[in-house]
């Protein structure tokens, strides 16, 4: 009887052992699948990391290029501004010279007009004096004629 009970216990333990062995195999399969999944995830993670690194390098290069382009554009703008300021100063200087020259020409014109008016007035006065002298002489000649006519 004891032997029978022990045999039954042994059989039950063997079934449990078999069941546990089957469970172990299932667990091992699950673990193997999970390890494979983890391995695949790690591979994808490494690939994504490489992609991220590559994109980060590309981004850094793009940022450096953009900075260089901005710097070049800024330098061109500064150069244009300097050129424009220089041109503006030249034009202001030229304008100042032209104004000075215009003022000198106006003064010269006014001086010439005053001299012209003065000469014209002198000539008018001399003409009037000449005409007066001429009339006077004509009157004298007329007087002489009449005197000679009266004498003869």
C-alpha atoms as a PDB file:
ATOM      1  CA  UNK A   1       0.000   0.000   0.000  1.00  0.00           C
ATOM      2  CA  UNK A   2       2.775   2.348   0.872  1.00  0.00           C
ATOM      3  CA  UNK A   3       4.519   1.401  -2.270  1.00  0.00           C
ATOM      4  CA  UNK A   4       1.372   2.131  -4.227  1.00  0.00           C
ATOM      5  CA  UNK A   5       1.013   5.497  -2.647  1.00  0.00           C
ATOM      6  CA  UNK A   6       4.623   6.234  -3.330  1.00  0.00           C
ATOM      7  CA  UNK A   7       4.196   5.059  -6.900  1.00  0.00           C
ATOM      8  CA  UNK A   8       1.174   7.331  -7.284  1.00  0.00           C
ATOM      9  CA  UNK A   9       3.137  10.165  -5.778  1.00  0.00           C
ATOM     10  CA  UNK A  10       6.019   9.425  -8.080  1.00  0.00           C
ATOM     11  CA  UNK A  11       3.662   9.341 -11.078  1.00  0.00           C
ATOM     12  CA  UNK A  12       2.078  12.567  -9.951  1.00  0.00           C
ATOM     13  CA  UNK A  13       5.501  14.140  -9.470  1.00  0.00           C
ATOM     14  CA  UNK A  14       6.562  12.863 -12.901  1.00  0.00           C
ATOM     15  CA  UNK A  15       3.437  14.446 -14.446  1.00  0.00           C
ATOM     16  CA  UNK A  16       4.229  17.637 -12.584  1.00  0.00           C
ATOM     17  CA  UNK A  17       7.811  17.339 -13.759  1.00  0.00           C
ATOM     18  CA  UNK A  18       6.614  16.794 -17.317  1.00  0.00           C
ATOM     19  CA  UNK A  19       4.213  19.704 -17.002  1.00  0.00           C
ATOM     20  CA  UNK A  20       6.934  21.862 -15.496  1.00  0.00           C
ATOM     21  CA  UNK A  21       9.334  20.726 -18.261  1.00  0.00           C
ATOM     22  CA  UNK A  22       6.734  21.683 -20.890  1.00  0.00           C
ATOM     23  CA  UNK A  23       6.257  25.014 -19.149  1.00  0.00           C
ATOM     24  CA  UNK A  24      10.014  25.464 -19.035  1.00  0.00           C
ATOM     25  CA  UNK A  25      10.200  24.799 -22.779  1.00  0.00           C
ATOM     26  CA  UNK A  26       7.385  27.300 -23.371  1.00  0.00           C
ATOM     27  CA  UNK A  27       9.108  29.821 -21.122  1.00  0.00           C
ATOM     28  CA  UNK A  28      12.393  29.218 -22.910  1.00  0.00           C
ATOM     29  CA  UNK A  29      10.658  29.772 -26.234  1.00  0.00           C
ATOM     30  CA  UNK A  30       9.035  32.947 -24.920  1.00  0.00           C
ATOM     31  CA  UNK A  31      12.387  34.076 -23.517  1.00  0.00           C
ATOM     32  CA  UNK A  32      14.083  33.246 -26.840  1.00  0.00           C
ATOM     33  CA  UNK A  33      11.442  35.226 -28.724  1.00  0.00           C
ATOM     34  CA  UNK A  34      11.811  38.144 -26.302  1.00  0.00           C
ATOM     35  CA  UNK A  35      15.590  38.021 -26.562  1.00  0.00           C
ATOM     36  CA  UNK A  36      15.274  37.993 -30.358  1.00  0.00           C
ATOM     37  CA  UNK A  37      12.858  40.924 -30.114  1.00  0.00           C
ATOM     38  CA  UNK A  38      15.262  42.734 -27.771  1.00  0.00           C
ATOM     39  CA  UNK A  39      18.118  42.000 -30.175  1.00  0.00           C
ATOM     40  CA  UNK A  40      16.086  43.369 -33.097  1.00  0.00           C
ATOM     41  CA  UNK A  41      15.164  46.441 -31.040  1.00  0.00           C
ATOM     42  CA  UNK A  42      18.821  46.978 -30.160  1.00  0.00           C
ATOM     43  CA  UNK A  43      19.771  46.684 -33.840  1.00  0.00           C
ATOM     44  CA  UNK A  44      17.066  49.194 -34.783  1.00  0.00           C
ATOM     45  CA  UNK A  45      18.175  51.442 -31.913  1.00  0.00           C
ATOM     46  CA  UNK A  46      21.777  51.329 -33.136  1.00  0.00           C
ATOM     47  CA  UNK A  47      20.623  52.045 -36.690  1.00  0.00           C
ATOM     48  CA  UNK A  48      18.473  54.964 -35.473  1.00  0.00           C
ATOM     49  CA  UNK A  49      21.410  56.215 -33.395  1.00  0.00           C
ATOM     50  CA  UNK A  50      23.628  56.160 -36.483  1.00  0.00           C
ATOM     51  CA  UNK A  51      20.902  57.972 -38.443  1.00  0.00           C
ATOM     52  CA  UNK A  52      20.563  60.540 -35.662  1.00  0.00           C
ATOM     53  CA  UNK A  53      24.323  61.053 -35.591  1.00  0.00           C
ATOM     54  CA  UNK A  54      24.391  61.453 -39.365  1.00  0.00           C
ATOM     55  CA  UNK A  55      21.469  63.876 -39.267  1.00  0.00           C
ATOM     56  CA  UNK A  56      23.102  65.781 -36.413  1.00  0.00           C
ATOM     57  CA  UNK A  57      26.299  66.119 -38.464  1.00  0.00           C
ATOM     58  CA  UNK A  58      24.275  67.222 -41.495  1.00  0.00           C
ATOM     59  CA  UNK A  59      22.405  69.714 -39.330  1.00  0.00           C
ATOM     60  CA  UNK A  60      25.658  71.078 -37.916  1.00  0.00           C
ATOM     61  CA  UNK A  61      27.052  71.413 -41.437  1.00  0.00           C
ATOM     62  CA  UNK A  62      23.856  73.124 -42.599  1.00  0.00           C
ATOM     63  CA  UNK A  63      24.018  75.484 -39.618  1.00  0.00           C
ATOM     64  CA  UNK A  64      27.669  76.272 -40.368  1.00  0.00           C
ATOM     65  CA  UNK A  65      26.816  76.887 -44.041  1.00  0.00           C
ATOM     66  CA  UNK A  66      23.916  79.107 -43.029  1.00  0.00           C
ATOM     67  CA  UNK A  67      26.164  81.037 -40.628  1.00  0.00           C
ATOM     68  CA  UNK A  68      28.747  81.480 -43.374  1.00  0.00           C
ATOM     69  CA  UNK A  69      26.081  82.673 -45.812  1.00  0.00           C
ATOM     70  CA  UNK A  70      24.672  85.072 -43.225  1.00  0.00           C
ATOM     71  CA  UNK A  71      28.164  86.403 -42.537  1.00  0.00           C
ATOM     72  CA  UNK A  72      28.818  86.847 -46.259  1.00  0.00           C
ATOM     73  CA  UNK A  73      25.482  88.593 -46.710  1.00  0.00           C
ATOM     74  CA  UNK A  74      26.237  90.824 -43.729  1.00  0.00           C
ATOM     75  CA  UNK A  75      29.676  91.660 -45.110  1.00  0.00           C
ATOM     76  CA  UNK A  76      28.170  92.455 -48.515  1.00  0.00           C
ATOM     77  CA  UNK A  77      25.548  94.645 -46.856  1.00  0.00           C
ATOM     78  CA  UNK A  78      28.207  96.457 -44.818  1.00  0.00           C
ATOM     79  CA  UNK A  79      30.316  96.891 -47.937  1.00  0.00           C
ATOM     80  CA  UNK A  80      27.337  98.267 -49.872  1.00  0.00           C
ATOM     81  CA  UNK A  81      26.488 100.577 -46.986  1.00  0.00           C
ATOM     82  CA  UNK A  82      30.065 101.872 -46.870  1.00  0.00           C
ATOM     83  CA  UNK A  83      30.043 102.361 -50.635  1.00  0.00           C
ATOM     84  CA  UNK A  84      26.714 104.167 -50.410  1.00  0.00           C
ATOM     85  CA  UNK A  85      27.994 106.387 -47.568  1.00  0.00           C
ATOM     86  CA  UNK A  86      31.155 107.117 -49.529  1.00  0.00           C
ATOM     87  CA  UNK A  87      29.092 107.934 -52.617  1.00  0.00           C
ATOM     88  CA  UNK A  88      26.802 110.103 -50.495  1.00  0.00           C
ATOM     89  CA  UNK A  89      29.790 111.977 -49.034  1.00  0.00           C
ATOM     90  CA  UNK A  90      31.206 112.447 -52.536  1.00  0.00           C
ATOM     91  CA  UNK A  91      27.862 113.741 -53.766  1.00  0.00           C
ATOM     92  CA  UNK A  92      27.532 116.058 -50.762  1.00  0.00           C
ATOM     93  CA  UNK A  93      31.047 117.364 -51.386  1.00  0.00           C
ATOM     94  CA  UNK A  94      30.274 117.833 -55.065  1.00  0.00           C
ATOM     95  CA  UNK A  95      27.004 119.582 -54.161  1.00  0.00           C
ATOM     96  CA  UNK A  96      28.853 121.874 -51.772  1.00  0.00           C
ATOM     97  CA  UNK A  97      31.436 122.686 -54.449  1.00  0.00           C
ATOM     98  CA  UNK A  98      28.696 123.278 -56.994  1.00  0.00           C
ATOM     99  CA  UNK A  99      26.834 125.579 -54.566  1.00  0.00           C
ATOM    100  CA  UNK A 100      30.051 127.487 -53.883  1.00  0.00           C
ATOM    101  CA  UNK A 101      30.753 127.748 -57.599  1.00  0.00           C
ATOM    102  CA  UNK A 102      27.157 128.833 -58.247  1.00  0.00           C
ATOM    103  CA  UNK A 103      27.440 131.511 -55.560  1.00  0.00           C
ATOM    104  CA  UNK A 104      30.727 132.705 -57.061  1.00  0.00           C
ATOM    105  CA  UNK A 105      29.156 132.781 -60.512  1.00  0.00           C
ATOM    106  CA  UNK A 106      26.186 134.746 -59.155  1.00  0.00           C
ATOM    107  CA  UNK A 107      28.521 137.230 -57.494  1.00  0.00           C
ATOM    108  CA  UNK A 108      30.561 137.472 -60.699  1.00  0.00           C
ATOM    109  CA  UNK A 109      27.385 137.998 -62.703  1.00  0.00           C
ATOM    110  CA  UNK A 110      26.159 140.643 -60.274  1.00  0.00           C
ATOM    111  CA  UNK A 111      29.573 142.355 -60.386  1.00  0.00           C
ATOM    112  CA  UNK A 112      29.549 142.190 -64.186  1.00  0.00           C
ATOM    113  CA  UNK A 113      26.016 143.600 -64.282  1.00  0.00           C
ATOM    114  CA  UNK A 114      26.996 146.417 -61.914  1.00  0.00           C
ATOM    115  CA  UNK A 115      30.083 147.193 -64.056  1.00  0.00           C
ATOM    116  CA  UNK A 116      27.940 146.991 -67.188  1.00  0.00           C
ATOM    117  CA  UNK A 117      25.317 149.289 -65.675  1.00  0.00           C
ATOM    118  CA  UNK A 118      28.070 151.664 -64.542  1.00  0.00           C
ATOM    119  CA  UNK A 119      29.691 151.686 -67.985  1.00  0.00           C
ATOM    120  CA  UNK A 120      26.318 152.051 -69.636  1.00  0.00           C
ATOM    121  CA  UNK A 121      25.546 155.008 -67.379  1.00  0.00           C
ATOM    122  CA  UNK A 122      28.994 156.481 -68.145  1.00  0.00           C
ATOM    123  CA  UNK A 123      28.404 156.016 -71.854  1.00  0.00           C
ATOM    124  CA  UNK A 124      24.947 157.599 -71.565  1.00  0.00           C
ATOM    125  CA  UNK A 125      26.418 160.521 -69.651  1.00  0.00           C
ATOM    126  CA  UNK A 126      29.208 160.911 -72.216  1.00  0.00           C
ATOM    127  CA  UNK A 127      26.701 160.596 -75.056  1.00  0.00           C
ATOM    128  CA  UNK A 128      24.519 163.204 -73.443  1.00  0.00           C
ATOM    129  CA  UNK A 129      27.569 165.398 -72.933  1.00  0.00           C
ATOM    130  CA  UNK A 130      28.614 164.812 -76.546  1.00  0.00           C
ATOM    131  CA  UNK A 131      25.133 165.599 -77.764  1.00  0.00           C
ATOM    132  CA  UNK A 132      25.113 168.701 -75.592  1.00  0.00           C
ATOM    133  CA  UNK A 133      28.513 169.719 -76.958  1.00  0.00           C
ATOM    134  CA  UNK A 134      27.313 168.906 -80.460  1.00  0.00           C
ATOM    135  CA  UNK A 135      24.187 171.068 -79.993  1.00  0.00           C
ATOM    136  CA  UNK A 136      26.315 173.747 -78.514  1.00  0.00           C
ATOM    137  CA  UNK A 137      28.673 173.609 -81.463  1.00  0.00           C
ATOM    138  CA  UNK A 138      25.804 173.549 -83.921  1.00  0.00           C
ATOM    139  CA  UNK A 139      24.330 176.543 -82.184  1.00  0.00           C
ATOM    140  CA  UNK A 140      27.722 178.229 -82.347  1.00  0.00           C
ATOM    141  CA  UNK A 141      28.053 177.346 -86.029  1.00  0.00           C
ATOM    142  CA  UNK A 142      24.527 178.650 -86.556  1.00  0.00           C
ATOM    143  CA  UNK A 143      25.498 181.794 -84.712  1.00  0.00           C
ATOM    144  CA  UNK A 144      28.635 182.160 -86.790  1.00  0.00           C
ATOM    145  CA  UNK A 145      26.665 181.644 -89.989  1.00  0.00           C
ATOM    146  CA  UNK A 146      24.156 184.183 -88.998  1.00  0.00           C
ATOM    147  CA  UNK A 147      26.918 186.549 -87.875  1.00  0.00           C
ATOM    148  CA  UNK A 148      28.746 186.137 -91.202  1.00  0.00           C
ATOM    149  CA  UNK A 149      25.496 186.575 -93.045  1.00  0.00           C
ATOM    150  CA  UNK A 150      24.855 189.768 -91.144  1.00  0.00           C
ATOM    151  CA  UNK A 151      28.398 191.014 -91.693  1.00  0.00           C
ATOM    152  CA  UNK A 152      28.299 190.304 -95.438  1.00  0.00           C
END
